[in-house]
Amino acid sequence: MKWLWIILLAVVGVIAAVFAFEYLTVGIGHLPSWVPGHAAHKRGHLHKDGAIAAVIAIAAFAGAGWLLYKKIQADKDAAALASAQG
């Protein structure tokens, strides 16, 4: 079950990172139509939206990394217990 959360957080992190990249590097008028905030004939970048997406990406990757670390530690503890018992 933990693998599901790890994969889900990693996917959310990748999607948020893509949105952050789009928001911070592409002008408002040149954003793809599938990206929220797309507006024709406007100038500038969506810095706040990009920063929020970047924070979400970092948090999702940190959460996935923490869950992965806990899973590896639990597996090591289980293996050490099994080898100690017999």
N, C-alpha and C. Protein backbone atom coordinates (compact mmCIF):
# COMPACT_ATOMS: atom_id res chain seq x y z
N MET A 1 0.82 -1.20 0.00
CA MET A 1 0.00 0.00 0.00
C MET A 1 0.86 1.26 0.00
N LYS A 2 2.04 1.17 0.68
CA LYS A 2 2.91 2.34 0.70
C LYS A 2 3.44 2.67 -0.69
N TRP A 3 3.65 1.63 -1.51
CA TRP A 3 4.14 1.89 -2.87
C TRP A 3 3.15 2.74 -3.65
N LEU A 4 1.87 2.54 -3.43
CA LEU A 4 0.86 3.34 -4.11
C LEU A 4 1.02 4.82 -3.78
N TRP A 5 1.22 5.13 -2.49
CA TRP A 5 1.40 6.53 -2.07
C TRP A 5 2.69 7.11 -2.60
N ILE A 6 3.75 6.30 -2.62
CA ILE A 6 5.04 6.77 -3.13
C ILE A 6 4.92 7.12 -4.61
N ILE A 7 4.30 6.23 -5.37
CA ILE A 7 4.13 6.46 -6.81
C ILE A 7 3.21 7.65 -7.05
N LEU A 8 2.13 7.74 -6.30
CA LEU A 8 1.19 8.85 -6.46
C LEU A 8 1.86 10.20 -6.17
N LEU A 9 2.63 10.27 -5.08
CA LEU A 9 3.34 11.52 -4.76
C LEU A 9 4.39 11.86 -5.81
N ALA A 10 5.07 10.84 -6.34
CA ALA A 10 6.06 11.09 -7.39
C ALA A 10 5.40 11.63 -8.66
N VAL A 11 4.25 11.07 -9.02
CA VAL A 11 3.54 11.54 -10.21
C VAL A 11 3.04 12.97 -10.01
N VAL A 12 2.49 13.25 -8.84
CA VAL A 12 2.04 14.62 -8.53
C VAL A 12 3.22 15.58 -8.58
N GLY A 13 4.37 15.15 -8.08
CA GLY A 13 5.56 15.98 -8.12
C GLY A 13 6.01 16.29 -9.53
N VAL A 14 5.99 15.30 -10.38
CA VAL A 14 6.39 15.51 -11.78
C VAL A 14 5.41 16.46 -12.47
N ILE A 15 4.12 16.25 -12.27
CA ILE A 15 3.12 17.12 -12.90
C ILE A 15 3.27 18.55 -12.40
N ALA A 16 3.45 18.72 -11.10
CA ALA A 16 3.61 20.07 -10.55
C ALA A 16 4.90 20.71 -11.06
N ALA A 17 5.96 19.93 -11.22
CA ALA A 17 7.21 20.47 -11.75
C ALA A 17 7.04 20.93 -13.20
N VAL A 18 6.29 20.19 -13.98
CA VAL A 18 6.03 20.59 -15.37
C VAL A 18 5.24 21.90 -15.40
N PHE A 19 4.22 22.00 -14.55
CA PHE A 19 3.44 23.24 -14.49
C PHE A 19 4.30 24.40 -14.02
N ALA A 20 5.15 24.18 -13.03
CA ALA A 20 6.03 25.25 -12.55
C ALA A 20 6.95 25.71 -13.67
N PHE A 21 7.51 24.78 -14.40
CA PHE A 21 8.39 25.13 -15.52
C PHE A 21 7.63 25.94 -16.57
N GLU A 22 6.43 25.50 -16.91
CA GLU A 22 5.63 26.22 -17.91
C GLU A 22 5.29 27.63 -17.43
N TYR A 23 4.85 27.75 -16.20
CA TYR A 23 4.45 29.05 -15.68
C TYR A 23 5.63 30.03 -15.59
N LEU A 24 6.81 29.52 -15.24
CA LEU A 24 7.94 30.41 -15.01
C LEU A 24 8.73 30.73 -16.28
N THR A 25 8.60 29.93 -17.30
CA THR A 25 9.42 30.15 -18.50
C THR A 25 8.65 30.62 -19.72
N VAL A 26 7.36 30.38 -19.75
CA VAL A 26 6.57 30.70 -20.93
C VAL A 26 5.65 31.88 -20.61
N GLY A 27 5.53 32.82 -21.52
CA GLY A 27 4.64 33.95 -21.32
C GLY A 27 3.19 33.54 -21.28
N ILE A 28 2.36 34.38 -20.67
CA ILE A 28 0.94 34.07 -20.51
C ILE A 28 0.27 33.82 -21.86
N GLY A 29 0.60 34.61 -22.84
CA GLY A 29 -0.02 34.47 -24.15
C GLY A 29 0.44 33.25 -24.93
N HIS A 30 1.56 32.66 -24.52
CA HIS A 30 2.10 31.51 -25.23
C HIS A 30 1.93 30.20 -24.50
N LEU A 31 1.24 30.23 -23.36
CA LEU A 31 0.98 28.98 -22.64
C LEU A 31 0.10 28.07 -23.48
N PRO A 32 0.32 26.76 -23.39
CA PRO A 32 -0.58 25.84 -24.09
C PRO A 32 -2.00 25.99 -23.54
N SER A 33 -2.97 25.68 -24.35
CA SER A 33 -4.36 25.87 -23.94
C SER A 33 -4.75 24.94 -22.79
N TRP A 34 -4.04 23.84 -22.58
CA TRP A 34 -4.38 22.91 -21.51
C TRP A 34 -3.86 23.37 -20.16
N VAL A 35 -3.04 24.42 -20.13
CA VAL A 35 -2.51 24.94 -18.88
C VAL A 35 -3.44 26.02 -18.35
N PRO A 36 -3.90 25.88 -17.09
CA PRO A 36 -4.76 26.93 -16.52
C PRO A 36 -4.03 28.27 -16.49
N GLY A 37 -4.72 29.33 -16.80
CA GLY A 37 -4.12 30.66 -16.82
C GLY A 37 -3.80 31.14 -18.21
N HIS A 38 -4.05 30.30 -19.20
CA HIS A 38 -3.79 30.67 -20.59
C HIS A 38 -4.69 31.84 -20.97
N ALA A 39 -4.09 32.89 -21.49
CA ALA A 39 -4.86 34.05 -21.94
C ALA A 39 -4.22 34.59 -23.21
N ALA A 40 -5.01 34.73 -24.23
CA ALA A 40 -4.48 35.23 -25.49
C ALA A 40 -4.18 36.72 -25.39
N HIS A 41 -3.13 37.15 -26.04
CA HIS A 41 -2.75 38.55 -26.17
C HIS A 41 -2.42 39.23 -24.84
N LYS A 42 -1.90 38.50 -23.89
CA LYS A 42 -1.45 39.10 -22.65
C LYS A 42 0.05 38.89 -22.52
N ARG A 43 0.69 39.74 -21.74
CA ARG A 43 2.13 39.68 -21.58
C ARG A 43 2.47 39.33 -20.13
N GLY A 44 3.68 38.84 -19.94
CA GLY A 44 4.16 38.53 -18.60
C GLY A 44 4.16 37.04 -18.32
N HIS A 45 4.50 36.73 -17.10
CA HIS A 45 4.56 35.34 -16.65
C HIS A 45 3.69 35.21 -15.40
N LEU A 46 3.32 34.00 -15.10
CA LEU A 46 2.52 33.73 -13.91
C LEU A 46 3.46 33.28 -12.79
N HIS A 47 4.18 34.23 -12.19
CA HIS A 47 5.19 33.91 -11.19
C HIS A 47 4.59 33.30 -9.93
N LYS A 48 3.46 33.81 -9.47
CA LYS A 48 2.86 33.25 -8.25
C LYS A 48 2.41 31.81 -8.48
N ASP A 49 1.77 31.57 -9.61
CA ASP A 49 1.33 30.21 -9.91
C ASP A 49 2.52 29.28 -10.07
N GLY A 50 3.59 29.77 -10.69
CA GLY A 50 4.79 28.97 -10.85
C GLY A 50 5.44 28.64 -9.52
N ALA A 51 5.47 29.62 -8.62
CA ALA A 51 6.05 29.39 -7.30
C ALA A 51 5.22 28.39 -6.50
N ILE A 52 3.91 28.50 -6.58
CA ILE A 52 3.03 27.56 -5.88
C ILE A 52 3.22 26.14 -6.44
N ALA A 53 3.29 26.02 -7.76
CA ALA A 53 3.51 24.71 -8.37
C ALA A 53 4.86 24.14 -7.98
N ALA A 54 5.89 24.99 -7.87
CA ALA A 54 7.21 24.53 -7.47
C ALA A 54 7.20 24.04 -6.02
N VAL A 55 6.50 24.75 -5.15
CA VAL A 55 6.40 24.33 -3.74
C VAL A 55 5.66 23.00 -3.64
N ILE A 56 4.60 22.84 -4.41
CA ILE A 56 3.86 21.57 -4.42
C ILE A 56 4.75 20.44 -4.91
N ALA A 57 5.54 20.69 -5.96
CA ALA A 57 6.44 19.67 -6.49
C ALA A 57 7.47 19.27 -5.44
N ILE A 58 8.07 20.25 -4.78
CA ILE A 58 9.08 19.95 -3.75
C ILE A 58 8.45 19.17 -2.59
N ALA A 59 7.27 19.58 -2.17
CA ALA A 59 6.60 18.88 -1.07
C ALA A 59 6.25 17.44 -1.46
N ALA A 60 5.77 17.25 -2.69
CA ALA A 60 5.41 15.90 -3.14
C ALA A 60 6.65 15.01 -3.24
N PHE A 61 7.74 15.55 -3.79
CA PHE A 61 8.97 14.75 -3.87
C PHE A 61 9.53 14.46 -2.48
N ALA A 62 9.45 15.41 -1.57
CA ALA A 62 9.92 15.19 -0.20
C ALA A 62 9.07 14.12 0.48
N GLY A 63 7.77 14.18 0.30
CA GLY A 63 6.88 13.17 0.88
C GLY A 63 7.14 11.79 0.31
N ALA A 64 7.35 11.70 -0.99
CA ALA A 64 7.64 10.41 -1.61
C ALA A 64 8.98 9.88 -1.11
N GLY A 65 9.96 10.76 -0.99
CA GLY A 65 11.27 10.34 -0.49
C GLY A 65 11.20 9.87 0.95
N TRP A 66 10.44 10.57 1.78
CA TRP A 66 10.30 10.18 3.18
C TRP A 66 9.60 8.83 3.30
N LEU A 67 8.52 8.63 2.54
CA LEU A 67 7.83 7.34 2.58
C LEU A 67 8.73 6.21 2.07
N LEU A 68 9.52 6.49 1.04
CA LEU A 68 10.43 5.48 0.52
C LEU A 68 11.49 5.14 1.57
N TYR A 69 12.01 6.15 2.24
CA TYR A 69 13.00 5.92 3.30
C TYR A 69 12.40 5.06 4.41
N LYS A 70 11.18 5.39 4.85
CA LYS A 70 10.53 4.62 5.90
C LYS A 70 10.28 3.17 5.45
N LYS A 71 9.92 2.99 4.19
CA LYS A 71 9.68 1.64 3.66
C LYS A 71 10.97 0.84 3.66
N ILE A 72 12.07 1.44 3.23
CA ILE A 72 13.36 0.75 3.21
C ILE A 72 13.79 0.40 4.63
N GLN A 73 13.61 1.32 5.58
CA GLN A 73 13.96 1.04 6.97
C GLN A 73 13.12 -0.10 7.54
N ALA A 74 11.84 -0.12 7.23
CA ALA A 74 10.97 -1.19 7.72
C ALA A 74 11.39 -2.54 7.12
N ASP A 75 11.76 -2.55 5.85
CA ASP A 75 12.22 -3.78 5.22
C ASP A 75 13.53 -4.27 5.85
N LYS A 76 14.45 -3.34 6.14
CA LYS A 76 15.71 -3.72 6.79
C LYS A 76 15.45 -4.28 8.19
N ASP A 77 14.56 -3.65 8.94
CA ASP A 77 14.24 -4.12 10.28
C ASP A 77 13.61 -5.51 10.23
N ALA A 78 12.71 -5.73 9.26
CA ALA A 78 12.07 -7.04 9.12
C ALA A 78 13.09 -8.10 8.75
N ALA A 79 14.03 -7.75 7.87
CA ALA A 79 15.05 -8.72 7.46
C ALA A 79 15.99 -9.04 8.63
N ALA A 80 16.35 -8.02 9.42
CA ALA A 80 17.22 -8.26 10.58
C ALA A 80 16.51 -9.12 11.63
N LEU A 81 15.23 -8.89 11.82
CA LEU A 81 14.45 -9.68 12.78
C LEU A 81 14.33 -11.13 12.31
N ALA A 82 14.11 -11.30 11.01
CA ALA A 82 13.98 -12.65 10.48
C ALA A 82 15.30 -13.42 10.57
N SER A 83 16.41 -12.74 10.32
CA SER A 83 17.71 -13.43 10.39
C SER A 83 18.09 -13.70 11.86
N ALA A 84 17.66 -12.88 12.78
CA ALA A 84 17.96 -13.08 14.19
C ALA A 84 17.17 -14.25 14.77
N GLN A 85 15.98 -14.49 14.24
CA GLN A 85 15.12 -15.55 14.76
C GLN A 85 15.53 -16.91 14.21
N GLY A 86 16.22 -16.93 13.13
CA GLY A 86 16.56 -18.27 12.69
C GLY A 86 17.10 -18.28 11.35
